[in-house]
Amino acid sequence: MKNIKKFTTLFVAFILIATGAIAQGDFISAKDFSKLSKSKNAVIISAQSAKNYKLSHIKGAVFIDHHDLYKAGAVEGLIKSPTDLAKYFGSKGVSEKKDILIYDDGTNKYAARIYWILKYLGAPNVKILHKDMGAWRSARVMITKAKTKVTPATFTPKLNKSIAADYNYVKANISNSKVVMLDVRHITEYNGTIAKPVSKGHLPGAKNLEWKKIETKSGALLPSSELQSAFSSVGVTKDKTIVLYCGTSVRSGIVFVALKSLGYANVKVYDGAYNEWDSKGGKFEK
C-alpha cells in the first residue's frame, strides 16, 4: 500500500505544468479531461509503461503499448498496416467513433505517438491530457490499480494521408525549397557525433530542433510565443510543408501536436524516419 501511495504521489507530480504553458488544440486540461471522461462515448488510453500501468492508472483507462503498433522487420518503428492497426485498436475497445483521451507517464512523447497514429487512421476526436498538478487535484481525476474491463469495438480506418510522408515523398522533396525536413533528435544524433545510437548524421538539408526544446523541464509545452520563436528560428514557417523525423518517429509525435496547436496546416511525420532512410541507402550530411 505504501508503494502504491508513493507511486501515486510521483504520478501526480509528473503532471506539473509551468505557469503560462499552453493547453490548447488537442491538449486538454485535467478539468476538461474529467468532464469529457464521464461521457459514455469516451475511451481513455494509457500510454504508460506496463510497469507503471500495473502500479496505478486513471480509472477506466485501457493500456496500449506503442511497441504493439509496429511491424516486425529490419526497420524498427514502422507502423503496421491500417487493417492490423484497426483490429488492434478495436480489441482494446477503441473506435474512430469514440472520443479518445490519451495520457502517458509524463513526457507526452508516447501519448503523442499514439495520437498521430490514430489521426492518421482517421479518428477525428483525439485529445491528450496536458499536465497541470493543481488542476489535476481540483478535478479529482480518479486513479486505480484495478485492470480495466475491455469491451471490444469496431474501428473502421479512413486514412488521412496528408499527415504522413513515406520514403518516396521524402526522396522526391529532399531539395524542395517549399518543404522543411525537421530532425527532432538530439544535436549529437543530428550531426553524427554520438556513439550510441550510431548516427551517420542527418538527411540532406534537414534542420534540427530537438523535441525536448519545445517543452518545459516538467514536460509541458512551452507558451505559444516561445514555441513559435523556436520553430521560426530553424526556418519552420506556415507557408511551407514541414516533414518531421527522428530515429523511429516516436519523438516526432509531440512536435507534430505542437505545430498543429499553433495552426500549421501542412505537417507530416516521416514514419520510416532515420532508420528507413538508412536502410534504403539514403545519403546523410554531418
C-alpha atoms as a PDB file:
ATOM      1  CA  MET A   1       0.000   0.000   0.000  1.00  0.00           C
ATOM      2  CA  LYS A   2       2.838   2.395   0.834  1.00  0.00           C
ATOM      3  CA  ASN A   3       4.402   1.727  -2.575  1.00  0.00           C
ATOM      4  CA  ILE A   4       1.088   2.497  -4.278  1.00  0.00           C
ATOM      5  CA  LYS A   5       0.726   5.782  -2.375  1.00  0.00           C
ATOM      6  CA  LYS A   6       4.310   6.675  -3.176  1.00  0.00           C
ATOM      7  CA  PHE A   7       3.794   5.988  -6.877  1.00  0.00           C
ATOM      8  CA  THR A   8       0.542   7.959  -6.860  1.00  0.00           C
ATOM      9  CA  THR A   9       2.390  10.989  -5.479  1.00  0.00           C
ATOM     10  CA  LEU A  10       5.096  10.655  -8.125  1.00  0.00           C
ATOM     11  CA  PHE A  11       2.497  10.192 -10.866  1.00  0.00           C
ATOM     12  CA  VAL A  12       0.664  13.355  -9.853  1.00  0.00           C
ATOM     13  CA  ALA A  13       3.986  15.210  -9.718  1.00  0.00           C
ATOM     14  CA  PHE A  14       4.588  14.243 -13.340  1.00  0.00           C
ATOM     15  CA  ILE A  15       1.701  16.422 -14.445  1.00  0.00           C
ATOM     16  CA  LEU A  16       3.168  19.663 -13.148  1.00  0.00           C
ATOM     17  CA  ILE A  17       2.989  22.461 -15.702  1.00  0.00           C
ATOM     18  CA  ALA A  18       4.870  25.748 -15.817  1.00  0.00           C
ATOM     19  CA  THR A  19       2.760  28.878 -15.482  1.00  0.00           C
ATOM     20  CA  GLY A  20       1.699  30.112 -18.882  1.00  0.00           C
ATOM     21  CA  ALA A  21       2.355  26.898 -20.781  1.00  0.00           C
ATOM     22  CA  ILE A  22      -0.252  26.266 -23.410  1.00  0.00           C
ATOM     23  CA  ALA A  23      -3.123  23.808 -23.183  1.00  0.00           C
ATOM     24  CA  GLN A  24      -4.929  24.325 -26.436  1.00  0.00           C
ATOM     25  CA  GLY A  25      -5.890  22.487 -29.567  1.00  0.00           C
ATOM     26  CA  ASP A  26      -5.927  18.781 -28.831  1.00  0.00           C
ATOM     27  CA  PHE A  27      -4.185  19.212 -25.474  1.00  0.00           C
ATOM     28  CA  ILE A  28      -6.742  19.349 -22.700  1.00  0.00           C
ATOM     29  CA  SER A  29      -6.574  20.282 -19.040  1.00  0.00           C
ATOM     30  CA  ALA A  30      -7.346  17.917 -16.174  1.00  0.00           C
ATOM     31  CA  LYS A  31     -10.646  19.750 -15.668  1.00  0.00           C
ATOM     32  CA  ASP A  32     -11.687  19.202 -19.275  1.00  0.00           C
ATOM     33  CA  PHE A  33     -10.398  15.643 -19.128  1.00  0.00           C
ATOM     34  CA  SER A  34     -12.512  14.919 -16.068  1.00  0.00           C
ATOM     35  CA  LYS A  35     -15.583  16.302 -17.830  1.00  0.00           C
ATOM     36  CA  LEU A  36     -15.002  14.503 -21.139  1.00  0.00           C
ATOM     37  CA  SER A  37     -14.135  11.185 -19.494  1.00  0.00           C
ATOM     38  CA  LYS A  38     -17.624  10.984 -17.986  1.00  0.00           C
ATOM     39  CA  SER A  39     -19.181  10.713 -21.441  1.00  0.00           C
ATOM     40  CA  LYS A  40     -20.490   7.277 -22.439  1.00  0.00           C
ATOM     41  CA  ASN A  41     -18.702   7.769 -25.735  1.00  0.00           C
ATOM     42  CA  ALA A  42     -15.275   8.353 -24.170  1.00  0.00           C
ATOM     43  CA  VAL A  43     -12.430   5.857 -24.135  1.00  0.00           C
ATOM     44  CA  ILE A  44      -9.250   6.512 -22.170  1.00  0.00           C
ATOM     45  CA  ILE A  45      -5.880   5.212 -23.369  1.00  0.00           C
ATOM     46  CA  SER A  46      -2.934   4.849 -21.021  1.00  0.00           C
ATOM     47  CA  ALA A  47       0.351   5.039 -22.919  1.00  0.00           C
ATOM     48  CA  GLN A  48       2.298   4.495 -19.694  1.00  0.00           C
ATOM     49  CA  SER A  49       4.894   1.774 -19.328  1.00  0.00           C
ATOM     50  CA  ALA A  50       3.398  -1.628 -18.498  1.00  0.00           C
ATOM     51  CA  LYS A  51       5.049  -1.492 -15.070  1.00  0.00           C
ATOM     52  CA  ASN A  52       3.572   1.885 -14.180  1.00  0.00           C
ATOM     53  CA  TYR A  53       0.148   0.999 -15.554  1.00  0.00           C
ATOM     54  CA  LYS A  54       0.080  -2.025 -13.273  1.00  0.00           C
ATOM     55  CA  LEU A  55       1.000   0.131 -10.283  1.00  0.00           C
ATOM     56  CA  SER A  56      -1.513   2.891 -10.930  1.00  0.00           C
ATOM     57  CA  HIS A  57      -3.520   4.325 -13.821  1.00  0.00           C
ATOM     58  CA  ILE A  58      -6.541   6.518 -14.480  1.00  0.00           C
ATOM     59  CA  LYS A  59      -9.722   4.659 -13.676  1.00  0.00           C
ATOM     60  CA  GLY A  60     -11.203   3.106 -16.802  1.00  0.00           C
ATOM     61  CA  ALA A  61      -8.043   3.513 -18.913  1.00  0.00           C
ATOM     62  CA  VAL A  62      -7.077   0.727 -21.311  1.00  0.00           C
ATOM     63  CA  PHE A  63      -3.367   0.016 -21.667  1.00  0.00           C
ATOM     64  CA  ILE A  64      -1.749   0.411 -25.081  1.00  0.00           C
ATOM     65  CA  ASP A  65       1.978  -0.130 -25.555  1.00  0.00           C
ATOM     66  CA  HIS A  66       3.111   1.840 -28.601  1.00  0.00           C
ATOM     67  CA  HIS A  67       5.516  -1.002 -29.455  1.00  0.00           C
ATOM     68  CA  ASP A  68       2.496  -3.192 -30.249  1.00  0.00           C
ATOM     69  CA  LEU A  69       1.668  -0.881 -33.147  1.00  0.00           C
ATOM     70  CA  TYR A  70       4.827  -1.601 -35.162  1.00  0.00           C
ATOM     71  CA  LYS A  71       5.727  -4.166 -37.799  1.00  0.00           C
ATOM     72  CA  ALA A  72       8.326  -6.817 -37.194  1.00  0.00           C
ATOM     73  CA  GLY A  73      11.300  -6.413 -39.508  1.00  0.00           C
ATOM     74  CA  ALA A  74      14.684  -4.855 -40.069  1.00  0.00           C
ATOM     75  CA  VAL A  75      13.399  -1.268 -39.969  1.00  0.00           C
ATOM     76  CA  GLU A  76      12.451  -0.523 -36.367  1.00  0.00           C
ATOM     77  CA  GLY A  77       9.361   1.571 -35.690  1.00  0.00           C
ATOM     78  CA  LEU A  78       7.336   1.276 -38.898  1.00  0.00           C
ATOM     79  CA  ILE A  79       3.637   1.143 -38.092  1.00  0.00           C
ATOM     80  CA  LYS A  80       1.548  -1.884 -39.045  1.00  0.00           C
ATOM     81  CA  SER A  81      -0.962  -1.853 -41.884  1.00  0.00           C
ATOM     82  CA  PRO A  82      -4.176   0.133 -41.369  1.00  0.00           C
ATOM     83  CA  THR A  83      -6.115  -3.131 -41.224  1.00  0.00           C
ATOM     84  CA  ASP A  84      -3.893  -4.576 -38.492  1.00  0.00           C
ATOM     85  CA  LEU A  85      -3.896  -1.325 -36.531  1.00  0.00           C
ATOM     86  CA  ALA A  86      -7.687  -1.073 -36.744  1.00  0.00           C
ATOM     87  CA  LYS A  87      -8.029  -4.658 -35.499  1.00  0.00           C
ATOM     88  CA  TYR A  88      -5.667  -3.963 -32.607  1.00  0.00           C
ATOM     89  CA  PHE A  89      -7.372  -0.751 -31.506  1.00  0.00           C
ATOM     90  CA  GLY A  90     -10.758  -2.424 -31.801  1.00  0.00           C
ATOM     91  CA  SER A  91      -9.579  -5.224 -29.492  1.00  0.00           C
ATOM     92  CA  LYS A  92      -8.797  -2.530 -26.926  1.00  0.00           C
ATOM     93  CA  GLY A  93     -12.262  -1.009 -27.186  1.00  0.00           C
ATOM     94  CA  VAL A  94     -11.079   1.934 -29.275  1.00  0.00           C
ATOM     95  CA  SER A  95     -13.198   3.020 -32.235  1.00  0.00           C
ATOM     96  CA  GLU A  96     -12.829   6.011 -34.551  1.00  0.00           C
ATOM     97  CA  LYS A  97     -16.331   6.979 -33.421  1.00  0.00           C
ATOM     98  CA  LYS A  98     -15.192   7.356 -29.811  1.00  0.00           C
ATOM     99  CA  ASP A  99     -13.946  10.454 -28.020  1.00  0.00           C
ATOM    100  CA  ILE A 100     -10.384   9.256 -27.397  1.00  0.00           C
ATOM    101  CA  LEU A 101      -8.396  10.609 -24.445  1.00  0.00           C
ATOM    102  CA  ILE A 102      -4.694   9.699 -24.120  1.00  0.00           C
ATOM    103  CA  TYR A 103      -2.057  10.195 -21.437  1.00  0.00           C
ATOM    104  CA  ASP A 104       1.374   8.732 -20.585  1.00  0.00           C
ATOM    105  CA  ASP A 105       3.948   8.775 -17.779  1.00  0.00           C
ATOM    106  CA  GLY A 106       4.755  12.438 -18.178  1.00  0.00           C
ATOM    107  CA  THR A 107       6.710  13.298 -21.332  1.00  0.00           C
ATOM    108  CA  ASN A 108       3.725  13.329 -23.754  1.00  0.00           C
ATOM    109  CA  LYS A 109       6.064  11.501 -26.161  1.00  0.00           C
ATOM    110  CA  TYR A 110       4.248   8.170 -26.185  1.00  0.00           C
ATOM    111  CA  ALA A 111       0.786   9.713 -25.935  1.00  0.00           C
ATOM    112  CA  ALA A 112       1.598  11.896 -28.935  1.00  0.00           C
ATOM    113  CA  ARG A 113       2.902   8.947 -30.950  1.00  0.00           C
ATOM    114  CA  ILE A 114      -0.385   7.084 -30.451  1.00  0.00           C
ATOM    115  CA  TYR A 115      -2.270  10.327 -31.106  1.00  0.00           C
ATOM    116  CA  TRP A 116      -0.597  10.713 -34.520  1.00  0.00           C
ATOM    117  CA  ILE A 117      -1.285   7.091 -35.460  1.00  0.00           C
ATOM    118  CA  LEU A 118      -4.967   7.479 -34.563  1.00  0.00           C
ATOM    119  CA  LYS A 119      -5.232  10.725 -36.524  1.00  0.00           C
ATOM    120  CA  TYR A 120      -3.568   9.005 -39.498  1.00  0.00           C
ATOM    121  CA  LEU A 121      -6.198   6.263 -39.248  1.00  0.00           C
ATOM    122  CA  GLY A 122      -8.876   8.957 -39.428  1.00  0.00           C
ATOM    123  CA  ALA A 123     -10.101   9.225 -35.843  1.00  0.00           C
ATOM    124  CA  PRO A 124     -11.486  12.789 -35.600  1.00  0.00           C
ATOM    125  CA  ASN A 125     -11.794  13.222 -31.842  1.00  0.00           C
ATOM    126  CA  VAL A 126      -8.472  12.533 -30.112  1.00  0.00           C
ATOM    127  CA  LYS A 127      -7.164  14.508 -27.147  1.00  0.00           C
ATOM    128  CA  ILE A 128      -4.026  14.396 -24.995  1.00  0.00           C
ATOM    129  CA  LEU A 129      -4.102  15.144 -21.283  1.00  0.00           C
ATOM    130  CA  HIS A 130      -1.847  18.119 -20.641  1.00  0.00           C
ATOM    131  CA  LYS A 131      -0.094  18.316 -17.285  1.00  0.00           C
ATOM    132  CA  ASP A 132      -1.344  20.571 -14.526  1.00  0.00           C
ATOM    133  CA  MET A 133      -0.796  19.442 -10.942  1.00  0.00           C
ATOM    134  CA  GLY A 134      -3.191  21.883  -9.306  1.00  0.00           C
ATOM    135  CA  ALA A 135      -5.924  21.344 -11.873  1.00  0.00           C
ATOM    136  CA  TRP A 136      -5.496  17.569 -11.611  1.00  0.00           C
ATOM    137  CA  ARG A 137      -6.195  17.699  -7.895  1.00  0.00           C
ATOM    138  CA  SER A 138      -9.166  20.040  -8.194  1.00  0.00           C
ATOM    139  CA  ALA A 139     -10.651  17.956 -10.998  1.00  0.00           C
ATOM    140  CA  ARG A 140     -10.332  14.860  -8.796  1.00  0.00           C
ATOM    141  CA  VAL A 141      -9.303  12.535 -11.574  1.00  0.00           C
ATOM    142  CA  MET A 142      -9.591   9.031 -10.131  1.00  0.00           C
ATOM    143  CA  ILE A 143      -6.679   6.601 -10.299  1.00  0.00           C
ATOM    144  CA  THR A 144      -6.603   2.892  -9.547  1.00  0.00           C
ATOM    145  CA  LYS A 145      -4.530  -0.258  -9.972  1.00  0.00           C
ATOM    146  CA  ALA A 146      -7.539  -2.374 -10.972  1.00  0.00           C
ATOM    147  CA  LYS A 147      -7.365  -3.750 -14.518  1.00  0.00           C
ATOM    148  CA  THR A 148      -9.892  -2.156 -16.847  1.00  0.00           C
ATOM    149  CA  LYS A 149     -12.525  -4.406 -18.380  1.00  0.00           C
ATOM    150  CA  VAL A 150     -12.378  -4.009 -22.151  1.00  0.00           C
ATOM    151  CA  THR A 151     -15.406  -4.148 -24.429  1.00  0.00           C
ATOM    152  CA  PRO A 152     -14.179  -4.787 -27.991  1.00  0.00           C
ATOM    153  CA  ALA A 153     -15.207  -2.263 -30.642  1.00  0.00           C
ATOM    154  CA  THR A 154     -15.046  -1.944 -34.412  1.00  0.00           C
ATOM    155  CA  PHE A 155     -12.501   0.513 -35.787  1.00  0.00           C
ATOM    156  CA  THR A 156     -13.056   1.485 -39.418  1.00  0.00           C
ATOM    157  CA  PRO A 157     -10.000   3.342 -40.737  1.00  0.00           C
ATOM    158  CA  LYS A 158     -10.264   6.244 -43.160  1.00  0.00           C
ATOM    159  CA  LEU A 159      -6.683   7.230 -43.805  1.00  0.00           C
ATOM    160  CA  ASN A 160      -5.575  10.827 -43.505  1.00  0.00           C
ATOM    161  CA  LYS A 161      -2.579  10.534 -45.817  1.00  0.00           C
ATOM    162  CA  SER A 162      -1.941  14.281 -45.688  1.00  0.00           C
ATOM    163  CA  ILE A 163      -0.187  13.952 -42.311  1.00  0.00           C
ATOM    164  CA  ALA A 164       2.155  11.140 -43.360  1.00  0.00           C
ATOM    165  CA  ALA A 165       5.279  11.091 -45.518  1.00  0.00           C
ATOM    166  CA  ASP A 166       6.839   7.922 -46.919  1.00  0.00           C
ATOM    167  CA  TYR A 167      10.303   7.289 -48.316  1.00  0.00           C
ATOM    168  CA  ASN A 168       9.329   8.204 -51.882  1.00  0.00           C
ATOM    169  CA  TYR A 169       7.818  11.518 -50.784  1.00  0.00           C
ATOM    170  CA  VAL A 170      10.904  12.431 -48.768  1.00  0.00           C
ATOM    171  CA  LYS A 171      13.274  11.450 -51.571  1.00  0.00           C
ATOM    172  CA  ALA A 172      11.277  13.499 -54.098  1.00  0.00           C
ATOM    173  CA  ASN A 173      11.163  16.567 -51.861  1.00  0.00           C
ATOM    174  CA  ILE A 174      14.554  16.487 -50.169  1.00  0.00           C
ATOM    175  CA  SER A 175      15.647  19.585 -52.123  1.00  0.00           C
ATOM    176  CA  ASN A 176      12.270  21.273 -52.378  1.00  0.00           C
ATOM    177  CA  SER A 177      12.536  24.834 -51.051  1.00  0.00           C
ATOM    178  CA  LYS A 178       8.889  24.731 -50.028  1.00  0.00           C
ATOM    179  CA  VAL A 179       9.470  21.712 -47.764  1.00  0.00           C
ATOM    180  CA  VAL A 180      11.362  21.757 -44.458  1.00  0.00           C
ATOM    181  CA  MET A 181      12.798  18.459 -43.218  1.00  0.00           C
ATOM    182  CA  LEU A 182      12.932  18.841 -39.439  1.00  0.00           C
ATOM    183  CA  ASP A 183      15.114  16.440 -37.453  1.00  0.00           C
ATOM    184  CA  VAL A 184      13.860  16.381 -33.849  1.00  0.00           C
ATOM    185  CA  ARG A 185      16.662  14.230 -32.427  1.00  0.00           C
ATOM    186  CA  HIS A 186      19.428  15.417 -30.090  1.00  0.00           C
ATOM    187  CA  ILE A 187      22.080  17.566 -31.772  1.00  0.00           C
ATOM    188  CA  THR A 188      24.680  14.791 -31.426  1.00  0.00           C
ATOM    189  CA  GLU A 189      22.452  12.428 -33.394  1.00  0.00           C
ATOM    190  CA  TYR A 190      21.792  15.144 -35.947  1.00  0.00           C
ATOM    191  CA  ASN A 191      25.484  15.879 -36.544  1.00  0.00           C
ATOM    192  CA  GLY A 192      26.618  12.261 -36.264  1.00  0.00           C
ATOM    193  CA  THR A 193      28.953  12.637 -33.270  1.00  0.00           C
ATOM    194  CA  ILE A 194      27.068  10.315 -30.920  1.00  0.00           C
ATOM    195  CA  ALA A 195      28.434   6.800 -30.349  1.00  0.00           C
ATOM    196  CA  LYS A 196      25.175   5.192 -29.268  1.00  0.00           C
ATOM    197  CA  PRO A 197      22.842   5.095 -31.051  1.00  0.00           C
ATOM    198  CA  VAL A 198      25.198   5.227 -34.003  1.00  0.00           C
ATOM    199  CA  SER A 199      24.219   8.055 -36.331  1.00  0.00           C
ATOM    200  CA  LYS A 200      25.553   8.845 -39.779  1.00  0.00           C
ATOM    201  CA  GLY A 201      24.206  12.377 -39.465  1.00  0.00           C
ATOM    202  CA  HIS A 202      21.017  13.882 -40.850  1.00  0.00           C
ATOM    203  CA  LEU A 203      19.016  13.892 -44.064  1.00  0.00           C
ATOM    204  CA  PRO A 204      20.448  16.373 -46.606  1.00  0.00           C
ATOM    205  CA  GLY A 205      19.346  19.914 -45.847  1.00  0.00           C
ATOM    206  CA  ALA A 206      17.400  18.965 -42.715  1.00  0.00           C
ATOM    207  CA  LYS A 207      17.106  21.474 -39.887  1.00  0.00           C
ATOM    208  CA  ASN A 208      17.402  20.476 -36.233  1.00  0.00           C
ATOM    209  CA  LEU A 209      15.160  21.242 -33.269  1.00  0.00           C
ATOM    210  CA  GLU A 210      15.280  18.645 -30.522  1.00  0.00           C
ATOM    211  CA  TRP A 211      11.808  17.678 -29.276  1.00  0.00           C
ATOM    212  CA  LYS A 212      12.767  18.381 -25.664  1.00  0.00           C
ATOM    213  CA  LYS A 213      13.388  22.025 -26.521  1.00  0.00           C
ATOM    214  CA  ILE A 214       9.685  22.650 -27.070  1.00  0.00           C
ATOM    215  CA  GLU A 215       8.846  21.557 -23.524  1.00  0.00           C
ATOM    216  CA  THR A 216       9.461  22.903 -20.033  1.00  0.00           C
ATOM    217  CA  LYS A 217      11.540  20.913 -17.534  1.00  0.00           C
ATOM    218  CA  SER A 218       8.308  19.419 -16.205  1.00  0.00           C
ATOM    219  CA  GLY A 219       7.368  18.089 -19.642  1.00  0.00           C
ATOM    220  CA  ALA A 220       4.674  20.622 -20.530  1.00  0.00           C
ATOM    221  CA  LEU A 221       4.684  22.517 -23.817  1.00  0.00           C
ATOM    222  CA  LEU A 222       6.256  25.957 -23.882  1.00  0.00           C
ATOM    223  CA  PRO A 223       3.987  29.009 -24.144  1.00  0.00           C
ATOM    224  CA  SER A 224       2.757  29.652 -27.680  1.00  0.00           C
ATOM    225  CA  SER A 225       5.051  32.626 -28.275  1.00  0.00           C
ATOM    226  CA  GLU A 226       8.129  30.636 -27.272  1.00  0.00           C
ATOM    227  CA  LEU A 227       7.075  27.686 -29.394  1.00  0.00           C
ATOM    228  CA  GLN A 228       6.611  29.939 -32.408  1.00  0.00           C
ATOM    229  CA  SER A 229      10.005  31.532 -31.827  1.00  0.00           C
ATOM    230  CA  ALA A 230      11.698  28.127 -31.597  1.00  0.00           C
ATOM    231  CA  PHE A 231      10.168  26.928 -34.851  1.00  0.00           C
ATOM    232  CA  SER A 232      10.814  30.187 -36.698  1.00  0.00           C
ATOM    233  CA  SER A 233      14.485  30.080 -35.680  1.00  0.00           C
ATOM    234  CA  VAL A 234      15.010  26.955 -37.796  1.00  0.00           C
ATOM    235  CA  GLY A 235      13.008  28.116 -40.805  1.00  0.00           C
ATOM    236  CA  VAL A 236       9.738  26.412 -39.934  1.00  0.00           C
ATOM    237  CA  THR A 237       7.066  28.747 -41.282  1.00  0.00           C
ATOM    238  CA  LYS A 238       3.381  28.304 -42.059  1.00  0.00           C
ATOM    239  CA  ASP A 239       3.817  28.771 -45.786  1.00  0.00           C
ATOM    240  CA  LYS A 240       5.899  25.588 -46.031  1.00  0.00           C
ATOM    241  CA  THR A 241       5.257  21.870 -45.648  1.00  0.00           C
ATOM    242  CA  ILE A 242       7.005  20.517 -42.561  1.00  0.00           C
ATOM    243  CA  VAL A 243       8.245  16.907 -42.539  1.00  0.00           C
ATOM    244  CA  LEU A 244       9.233  15.614 -39.107  1.00  0.00           C
ATOM    245  CA  TYR A 245      11.520  12.688 -38.382  1.00  0.00           C
ATOM    246  CA  CYS A 246      13.718  11.215 -35.660  1.00  0.00           C
ATOM    247  CA  GLY A 247      15.014   7.648 -35.302  1.00  0.00           C
ATOM    248  CA  THR A 248      11.687   5.821 -35.363  1.00  0.00           C
ATOM    249  CA  SER A 249       9.275   8.808 -35.368  1.00  0.00           C
ATOM    250  CA  VAL A 250       8.262   8.312 -31.727  1.00  0.00           C
ATOM    251  CA  ARG A 251       9.775  11.676 -30.802  1.00  0.00           C
ATOM    252  CA  SER A 252       8.190  13.362 -33.818  1.00  0.00           C
ATOM    253  CA  GLY A 253       4.664  12.996 -32.437  1.00  0.00           C
ATOM    254  CA  ILE A 254       4.887  15.673 -29.764  1.00  0.00           C
ATOM    255  CA  VAL A 255       6.382  18.147 -32.279  1.00  0.00           C
ATOM    256  CA  PHE A 256       3.534  17.328 -34.672  1.00  0.00           C
ATOM    257  CA  VAL A 257       0.940  18.122 -31.995  1.00  0.00           C
ATOM    258  CA  ALA A 258       2.748  21.326 -31.033  1.00  0.00           C
ATOM    259  CA  LEU A 259       2.826  22.568 -34.636  1.00  0.00           C
ATOM    260  CA  LYS A 260      -0.838  21.748 -35.173  1.00  0.00           C
ATOM    261  CA  SER A 261      -1.720  23.585 -31.953  1.00  0.00           C
ATOM    262  CA  LEU A 262      -0.089  26.689 -33.439  1.00  0.00           C
ATOM    263  CA  GLY A 263      -2.155  26.433 -36.614  1.00  0.00           C
ATOM    264  CA  TYR A 264       0.402  24.912 -39.001  1.00  0.00           C
ATOM    265  CA  ALA A 265      -1.686  23.319 -41.733  1.00  0.00           C
ATOM    266  CA  ASN A 266       0.893  21.267 -43.623  1.00  0.00           C
ATOM    267  CA  VAL A 267       2.722  18.992 -41.195  1.00  0.00           C
ATOM    268  CA  LYS A 268       3.742  15.417 -41.946  1.00  0.00           C
ATOM    269  CA  VAL A 269       5.538  12.697 -39.988  1.00  0.00           C
ATOM    270  CA  TYR A 270       8.011  10.562 -41.896  1.00  0.00           C
ATOM    271  CA  ASP A 271       7.132   7.285 -40.226  1.00  0.00           C
ATOM    272  CA  GLY A 272      10.134   5.377 -41.607  1.00  0.00           C
ATOM    273  CA  ALA A 273      12.407   8.122 -40.287  1.00  0.00           C
ATOM    274  CA  TYR A 274      16.190   7.814 -39.977  1.00  0.00           C
ATOM    275  CA  ASN A 275      16.068   4.004 -39.805  1.00  0.00           C
ATOM    276  CA  GLU A 276      14.248   3.524 -43.100  1.00  0.00           C
ATOM    277  CA  TRP A 277      16.231   6.225 -44.897  1.00  0.00           C
ATOM    278  CA  ASP A 278      19.438   4.485 -43.845  1.00  0.00           C
ATOM    279  CA  SER A 279      18.170   1.005 -44.776  1.00  0.00           C
ATOM    280  CA  LYS A 280      17.385   2.200 -48.299  1.00  0.00           C
ATOM    281  CA  GLY A 281      20.809   3.701 -48.793  1.00  0.00           C
ATOM    282  CA  GLY A 282      19.750   7.316 -48.384  1.00  0.00           C
ATOM    283  CA  LYS A 283      22.535   9.901 -48.162  1.00  0.00           C
ATOM    284  CA  PHE A 284      23.371  11.779 -44.957  1.00  0.00           C
ATOM    285  CA  GLU A 285      25.116  15.005 -44.048  1.00  0.00           C
ATOM    286  CA  LYS A 286      27.118  15.918 -40.947  1.00  0.00           C
END
